C-alpha atoms as a PDB file:
ATOM      1  CA  MET A   1       0.000   0.000   0.000  1.00  0.00           C
ATOM      2  CA  SER A   2       1.303   3.419  -0.794  1.00  0.00           C
ATOM      3  CA  MET A   3       1.379   6.235   1.753  1.00  0.00           C
ATOM      4  CA  ARG A   4      -1.140   8.174  -0.382  1.00  0.00           C
ATOM      5  CA  LEU A   5      -3.595   5.295  -0.094  1.00  0.00           C
ATOM      6  CA  ILE A   6      -3.103   5.217   3.661  1.00  0.00           C
ATOM      7  CA  THR A   7      -3.881   8.926   4.021  1.00  0.00           C
ATOM      8  CA  THR A   8      -7.177   8.540   2.196  1.00  0.00           C
ATOM      9  CA  VAL A   9      -8.518   5.903   4.566  1.00  0.00           C
ATOM     10  CA  ILE A  10     -11.694   7.192   6.180  1.00  0.00           C
ATOM     11  CA  PHE A  11     -12.467   6.591   9.822  1.00  0.00           C
ATOM     12  CA  LEU A  12     -16.014   6.854  11.087  1.00  0.00           C
ATOM     13  CA  ASN A  13     -16.244   8.733  14.339  1.00  0.00           C
ATOM     14  CA  ASN A  14     -19.074   9.426  16.774  1.00  0.00           C
ATOM     15  CA  LYS A  15     -22.630   9.952  15.625  1.00  0.00           C
ATOM     16  CA  LYS A  16     -23.555  13.633  15.580  1.00  0.00           C
ATOM     17  CA  LYS A  17     -26.993  15.201  15.627  1.00  0.00           C
ATOM     18  CA  ILE A  18     -27.427  18.150  13.256  1.00  0.00           C
ATOM     19  CA  ASN A  19     -30.877  19.775  12.845  1.00  0.00           C
ATOM     20  CA  GLY A  20     -32.535  16.735  14.395  1.00  0.00           C
ATOM     21  CA  GLU A  21     -30.846  14.321  11.955  1.00  0.00           C
ATOM     22  CA  LEU A  22     -28.412  11.684  13.056  1.00  0.00           C
ATOM     23  CA  THR A  23     -25.317  11.842  10.863  1.00  0.00           C
ATOM     24  CA  MET A  24     -21.941  10.208  10.947  1.00  0.00           C
ATOM     25  CA  ARG A  25     -18.886  12.404  11.118  1.00  0.00           C
ATOM     26  CA  ARG A  26     -16.041  11.218   8.957  1.00  0.00           C
ATOM     27  CA  ARG A  27     -12.460  11.600  10.029  1.00  0.00           C
ATOM     28  CA  ARG A  28      -9.595  11.222   7.660  1.00  0.00           C
ATOM     29  CA  LEU A  29      -6.208   9.928   8.703  1.00  0.00           C
ATOM     30  CA  ARG A  30      -4.682  13.335   8.019  1.00  0.00           C
ATOM     31  CA  ASN A  31      -6.879  14.661  10.853  1.00  0.00           C
ATOM     32  CA  TYR A  32      -4.995  12.324  13.145  1.00  0.00           C
ATOM     33  CA  LEU A  33      -1.735  14.053  12.227  1.00  0.00           C
ATOM     34  CA  ILE A  34      -2.152  17.101  14.445  1.00  0.00           C
ATOM     35  CA  LYS A  35       1.533  17.594  15.232  1.00  0.00           C
ATOM     36  CA  LYS A  36       3.060  15.908  12.189  1.00  0.00           C
ATOM     37  CA  ASP A  37       6.680  16.353  13.210  1.00  0.00           C
ATOM     38  CA  ILE A  38       6.165  14.688  16.595  1.00  0.00           C
ATOM     39  CA  GLN A  39       3.805  11.971  15.399  1.00  0.00           C
ATOM     40  CA  LEU A  40       5.724  10.958  12.281  1.00  0.00           C
ATOM     41  CA  GLY A  41       9.036  11.166  14.125  1.00  0.00           C
ATOM     42  CA  LEU A  42       7.798   8.766  16.802  1.00  0.00           C
ATOM     43  CA  THR A  43       6.257   6.515  14.149  1.00  0.00           C
ATOM     44  CA  TYR A  44       9.493   6.316  12.157  1.00  0.00           C
ATOM     45  CA  ARG A  45      11.556   5.637  15.271  1.00  0.00           C
ATOM     46  CA  PHE A  46       9.195   2.916  16.451  1.00  0.00           C
ATOM     47  CA  LEU A  47       9.126   1.347  12.985  1.00  0.00           C
ATOM     48  CA  PHE A  48      12.931   1.490  12.747  1.00  0.00           C
ATOM     49  CA  ILE A  49      13.308  -0.297  16.090  1.00  0.00           C
ATOM     50  CA  LEU A  50      10.682  -2.861  15.072  1.00  0.00           C
ATOM     51  CA  ILE A  51      12.447  -3.584  11.770  1.00  0.00           C
ATOM     52  CA  LEU A  52      15.848  -3.878  13.473  1.00  0.00           C
ATOM     53  CA  PHE A  53      14.408  -6.260  16.053  1.00  0.00           C
ATOM     54  CA  SER A  54      12.725  -8.338  13.320  1.00  0.00           C
ATOM     55  CA  LEU A  55      15.935  -8.509  11.300  1.00  0.00           C
ATOM     56  CA  PHE A  56      17.862  -9.579  14.397  1.00  0.00           C
ATOM     57  CA  ILE A  57      15.379 -12.350  15.224  1.00  0.00           C
ATOM     58  CA  GLY A  58      15.254 -13.469  11.587  1.00  0.00           C
ATOM     59  CA  PHE A  59      19.042 -13.546  11.357  1.00  0.00           C
ATOM     60  CA  GLN A  60      19.275 -15.575  14.574  1.00  0.00           C
ATOM     61  CA  ALA A  61      16.698 -18.053  13.266  1.00  0.00           C
ATOM     62  CA  TYR A  62      18.600 -18.311   9.963  1.00  0.00           C
ATOM     63  CA  ILE A  63      21.914 -18.985  11.721  1.00  0.00           C
ATOM     64  CA  ILE A  64      20.380 -21.649  13.954  1.00  0.00           C
ATOM     65  CA  ILE A  65      18.023 -23.423  11.533  1.00  0.00           C
ATOM     66  CA  TRP A  66      19.606 -23.128   8.097  1.00  0.00           C
ATOM     67  CA  PRO A  67      22.705 -25.318   8.683  1.00  0.00           C
ATOM     68  CA  VAL A  68      20.462 -28.151   9.860  1.00  0.00           C
ATOM     69  CA  VAL A  69      17.964 -27.758   6.997  1.00  0.00           C
ATOM     70  CA  SER A  70      20.624 -27.381   4.309  1.00  0.00           C
ATOM     71  CA  GLY A  71      22.005 -30.843   5.142  1.00  0.00           C
ATOM     72  CA  PHE A  72      18.705 -32.501   4.164  1.00  0.00           C
ATOM     73  CA  ILE A  73      17.638 -30.425   1.145  1.00  0.00           C
ATOM     74  CA  SER A  74      19.091 -30.404  -2.362  1.00  0.00           C
ATOM     75  CA  LYS A  75      20.504 -27.198  -3.861  1.00  0.00           C
ATOM     76  CA  GLU A  76      17.570 -26.755  -6.287  1.00  0.00           C
ATOM     77  CA  LEU A  77      15.026 -27.178  -3.529  1.00  0.00           C
ATOM     78  CA  MET A  78      17.045 -24.859  -1.258  1.00  0.00           C
ATOM     79  CA  ASN A  79      16.798 -22.029  -3.832  1.00  0.00           C
ATOM     80  CA  LEU A  80      13.046 -22.604  -4.077  1.00  0.00           C
ATOM     81  CA  VAL A  81      12.719 -22.489  -0.278  1.00  0.00           C
ATOM     82  CA  ARG A  82      14.695 -19.211  -0.116  1.00  0.00           C
ATOM     83  CA  HIS A  83      12.462 -17.716  -2.802  1.00  0.00           C
ATOM     84  CA  GLN A  84       9.288 -18.828  -0.976  1.00  0.00           C
ATOM     85  CA  ILE A  85      10.560 -17.402   2.317  1.00  0.00           C
ATOM     86  CA  PHE A  86      11.289 -14.050   0.638  1.00  0.00           C
ATOM     87  CA  ILE A  87       7.853 -13.912  -1.045  1.00  0.00           C
ATOM     88  CA  ARG A  88       6.049 -14.766   2.202  1.00  0.00           C
ATOM     89  CA  LEU A  89       8.016 -12.177   4.136  1.00  0.00           C
ATOM     90  CA  LEU A  90       6.951  -9.536   1.615  1.00  0.00           C
ATOM     91  CA  PHE A  91       3.359 -10.774   1.502  1.00  0.00           C
ATOM     92  CA  PHE A  92       2.920 -10.774   5.287  1.00  0.00           C
ATOM     93  CA  GLY A  93       5.537  -8.213   6.315  1.00  0.00           C
ATOM     94  CA  LEU A  94       4.414  -5.189   4.298  1.00  0.00           C
ATOM     95  CA  PRO A  95       0.763  -5.277   5.466  1.00  0.00           C
ATOM     96  CA  PHE A  96       2.018  -5.756   9.017  1.00  0.00           C
ATOM     97  CA  ILE A  97       4.184  -2.635   8.678  1.00  0.00           C
ATOM     98  CA  VAL A  98       1.182  -0.659   7.377  1.00  0.00           C
ATOM     99  CA  VAL A  99      -0.907  -1.801  10.363  1.00  0.00           C
ATOM    100  CA  ILE A 100       1.886  -0.869  12.783  1.00  0.00           C
ATOM    101  CA  ILE A 101       2.150   2.590  11.188  1.00  0.00           C
ATOM    102  CA  GLY A 102      -1.604   3.079  11.546  1.00  0.00           C
ATOM    103  CA  PHE A 103      -1.674   2.027  15.193  1.00  0.00           C
ATOM    104  CA  THR A 104       1.332   4.220  15.981  1.00  0.00           C
ATOM    105  CA  ILE A 105      -0.265   7.281  14.381  1.00  0.00           C
ATOM    106  CA  VAL A 106      -3.508   6.719  16.298  1.00  0.00           C
ATOM    107  CA  PHE A 107      -1.567   6.227  19.544  1.00  0.00           C
ATOM    108  CA  THR A 108       0.577   9.336  19.010  1.00  0.00           C
ATOM    109  CA  HIS A 109      -2.613  11.277  18.261  1.00  0.00           C
ATOM    110  CA  ARG A 110      -3.581  10.705  21.886  1.00  0.00           C
ATOM    111  CA  ILE A 111      -0.413  12.537  22.888  1.00  0.00           C
ATOM    112  CA  ALA A 112      -0.134  15.130  20.109  1.00  0.00           C
ATOM    113  CA  GLY A 113      -3.779  16.213  20.401  1.00  0.00           C
ATOM    114  CA  PRO A 114      -3.436  17.347  24.022  1.00  0.00           C
ATOM    115  CA  ILE A 115      -0.072  19.000  23.275  1.00  0.00           C
ATOM    116  CA  TYR A 116      -1.698  20.942  20.447  1.00  0.00           C
ATOM    117  CA  ARG A 117      -4.575  21.985  22.715  1.00  0.00           C
ATOM    118  CA  PHE A 118      -2.124  23.044  25.465  1.00  0.00           C
ATOM    119  CA  GLU A 119      -0.176  25.194  23.006  1.00  0.00           C
ATOM    120  CA  LEU A 120      -3.315  26.920  21.718  1.00  0.00           C
ATOM    121  CA  THR A 121      -4.644  27.550  25.224  1.00  0.00           C
ATOM    122  CA  LEU A 122      -1.317  28.852  26.524  1.00  0.00           C
ATOM    123  CA  ASP A 123      -0.879  31.125  23.477  1.00  0.00           C
ATOM    124  CA  ARG A 124      -4.351  32.598  24.018  1.00  0.00           C
ATOM    125  CA  LEU A 125      -3.666  32.961  27.743  1.00  0.00           C
ATOM    126  CA  ASN A 126      -0.358  34.682  26.985  1.00  0.00           C
ATOM    127  CA  GLN A 127      -2.213  37.186  24.791  1.00  0.00           C
ATOM    128  CA  GLY A 128      -4.472  38.032  27.722  1.00  0.00           C
ATOM    129  CA  GLU A 129      -7.609  36.315  26.430  1.00  0.00           C
ATOM    130  CA  ASP A 130     -10.111  34.646  28.713  1.00  0.00           C
ATOM    131  CA  VAL A 131      -9.702  30.936  28.032  1.00  0.00           C
ATOM    132  CA  PRO A 132     -11.901  28.021  29.065  1.00  0.00           C
ATOM    133  CA  LEU A 133     -10.511  25.121  31.048  1.00  0.00           C
ATOM    134  CA  ILE A 134      -8.885  22.357  29.054  1.00  0.00           C
ATOM    135  CA  LYS A 135     -11.036  19.259  28.617  1.00  0.00           C
ATOM    136  CA  LEU A 136      -9.409  16.205  27.133  1.00  0.00           C
ATOM    137  CA  ARG A 137     -11.151  13.364  25.355  1.00  0.00           C
ATOM    138  CA  PRO A 138     -11.415   9.924  26.958  1.00  0.00           C
ATOM    139  CA  GLY A 139      -8.274   8.005  26.053  1.00  0.00           C
ATOM    140  CA  ASP A 140      -6.066  11.088  25.732  1.00  0.00           C
ATOM    141  CA  GLU A 141      -2.765  11.133  27.575  1.00  0.00           C
ATOM    142  CA  LEU A 142      -1.268  13.969  29.668  1.00  0.00           C
ATOM    143  CA  LYS A 143      -4.335  14.414  31.882  1.00  0.00           C
ATOM    144  CA  GLU A 144      -2.193  15.349  34.908  1.00  0.00           C
ATOM    145  CA  LEU A 145      -0.564  18.141  32.919  1.00  0.00           C
ATOM    146  CA  ALA A 146      -4.013  19.349  31.800  1.00  0.00           C
ATOM    147  CA  GLU A 147      -5.081  19.523  35.451  1.00  0.00           C
ATOM    148  CA  LYS A 148      -2.023  21.617  36.322  1.00  0.00           C
ATOM    149  CA  ILE A 149      -2.639  23.970  33.397  1.00  0.00           C
ATOM    150  CA  ASN A 150      -6.286  24.260  34.460  1.00  0.00           C
ATOM    151  CA  ASP A 151      -5.139  25.131  37.999  1.00  0.00           C
ATOM    152  CA  MET A 152      -2.908  27.831  36.516  1.00  0.00           C
ATOM    153  CA  ILE A 153      -5.799  29.182  34.403  1.00  0.00           C
ATOM    154  CA  LEU A 154      -8.032  29.352  37.491  1.00  0.00           C
ATOM    155  CA  LEU A 155      -5.272  31.082  39.459  1.00  0.00           C
ATOM    156  CA  ILE A 156      -4.850  33.698  36.709  1.00  0.00           C
ATOM    157  CA  LYS A 157      -8.619  34.225  36.455  1.00  0.00           C
ATOM    158  CA  ASN A 158      -8.887  34.642  40.248  1.00  0.00           C
ATOM    159  CA  SER A 159      -5.995  37.095  40.363  1.00  0.00           C
ATOM    160  CA  LYS A 160      -7.590  39.125  37.509  1.00  0.00           C
ATOM    161  CA  LYS A 161     -10.891  39.217  39.427  1.00  0.00           C
ATOM    162  CA  SER A 162      -9.199  40.306  42.650  1.00  0.00           C
ATOM    163  CA  SER A 163      -7.222  43.026  40.856  1.00  0.00           C
ATOM    164  CA  ASN A 164     -10.406  44.279  39.150  1.00  0.00           C
ATOM    165  CA  ASN A 165     -12.245  44.424  42.492  1.00  0.00           C
ATOM    166  CA  ARG A 166      -9.616  46.763  43.962  1.00  0.00           C
END
């Protein structure tokens, strides 16, 4: 699968009621890439480690098993076995990599989404705007940090109220 095909995959999200009608909101994969540099960086690193680990395990299996197998199989059959192993690795390995990339992007979305929301809220707060408290979705990470930022927002709001009352 090409990366372009992956980005056009449509995810169905929660049902939403608009003008009394029940509709389905569609989310595209590109909506999951909120902080692309962080999310893709983590995805590439995770994939790199996964591929290195797989190559290491495969190489260890080859070193251990192949000398035993090569003593019982003819040269012609050995070439056929190598070819079949290569084809099966491609057939099962590439879809597995695509699935791993998808899961990693969805997982990093649970981290990048809150970071993005924190940045927007802190930028607005820095500009002196009145900001609402941060509410994270179920399943999002960094909830403790959101609570601390919310405490800071409340402290700033209370200090603005007390200075206005004077």
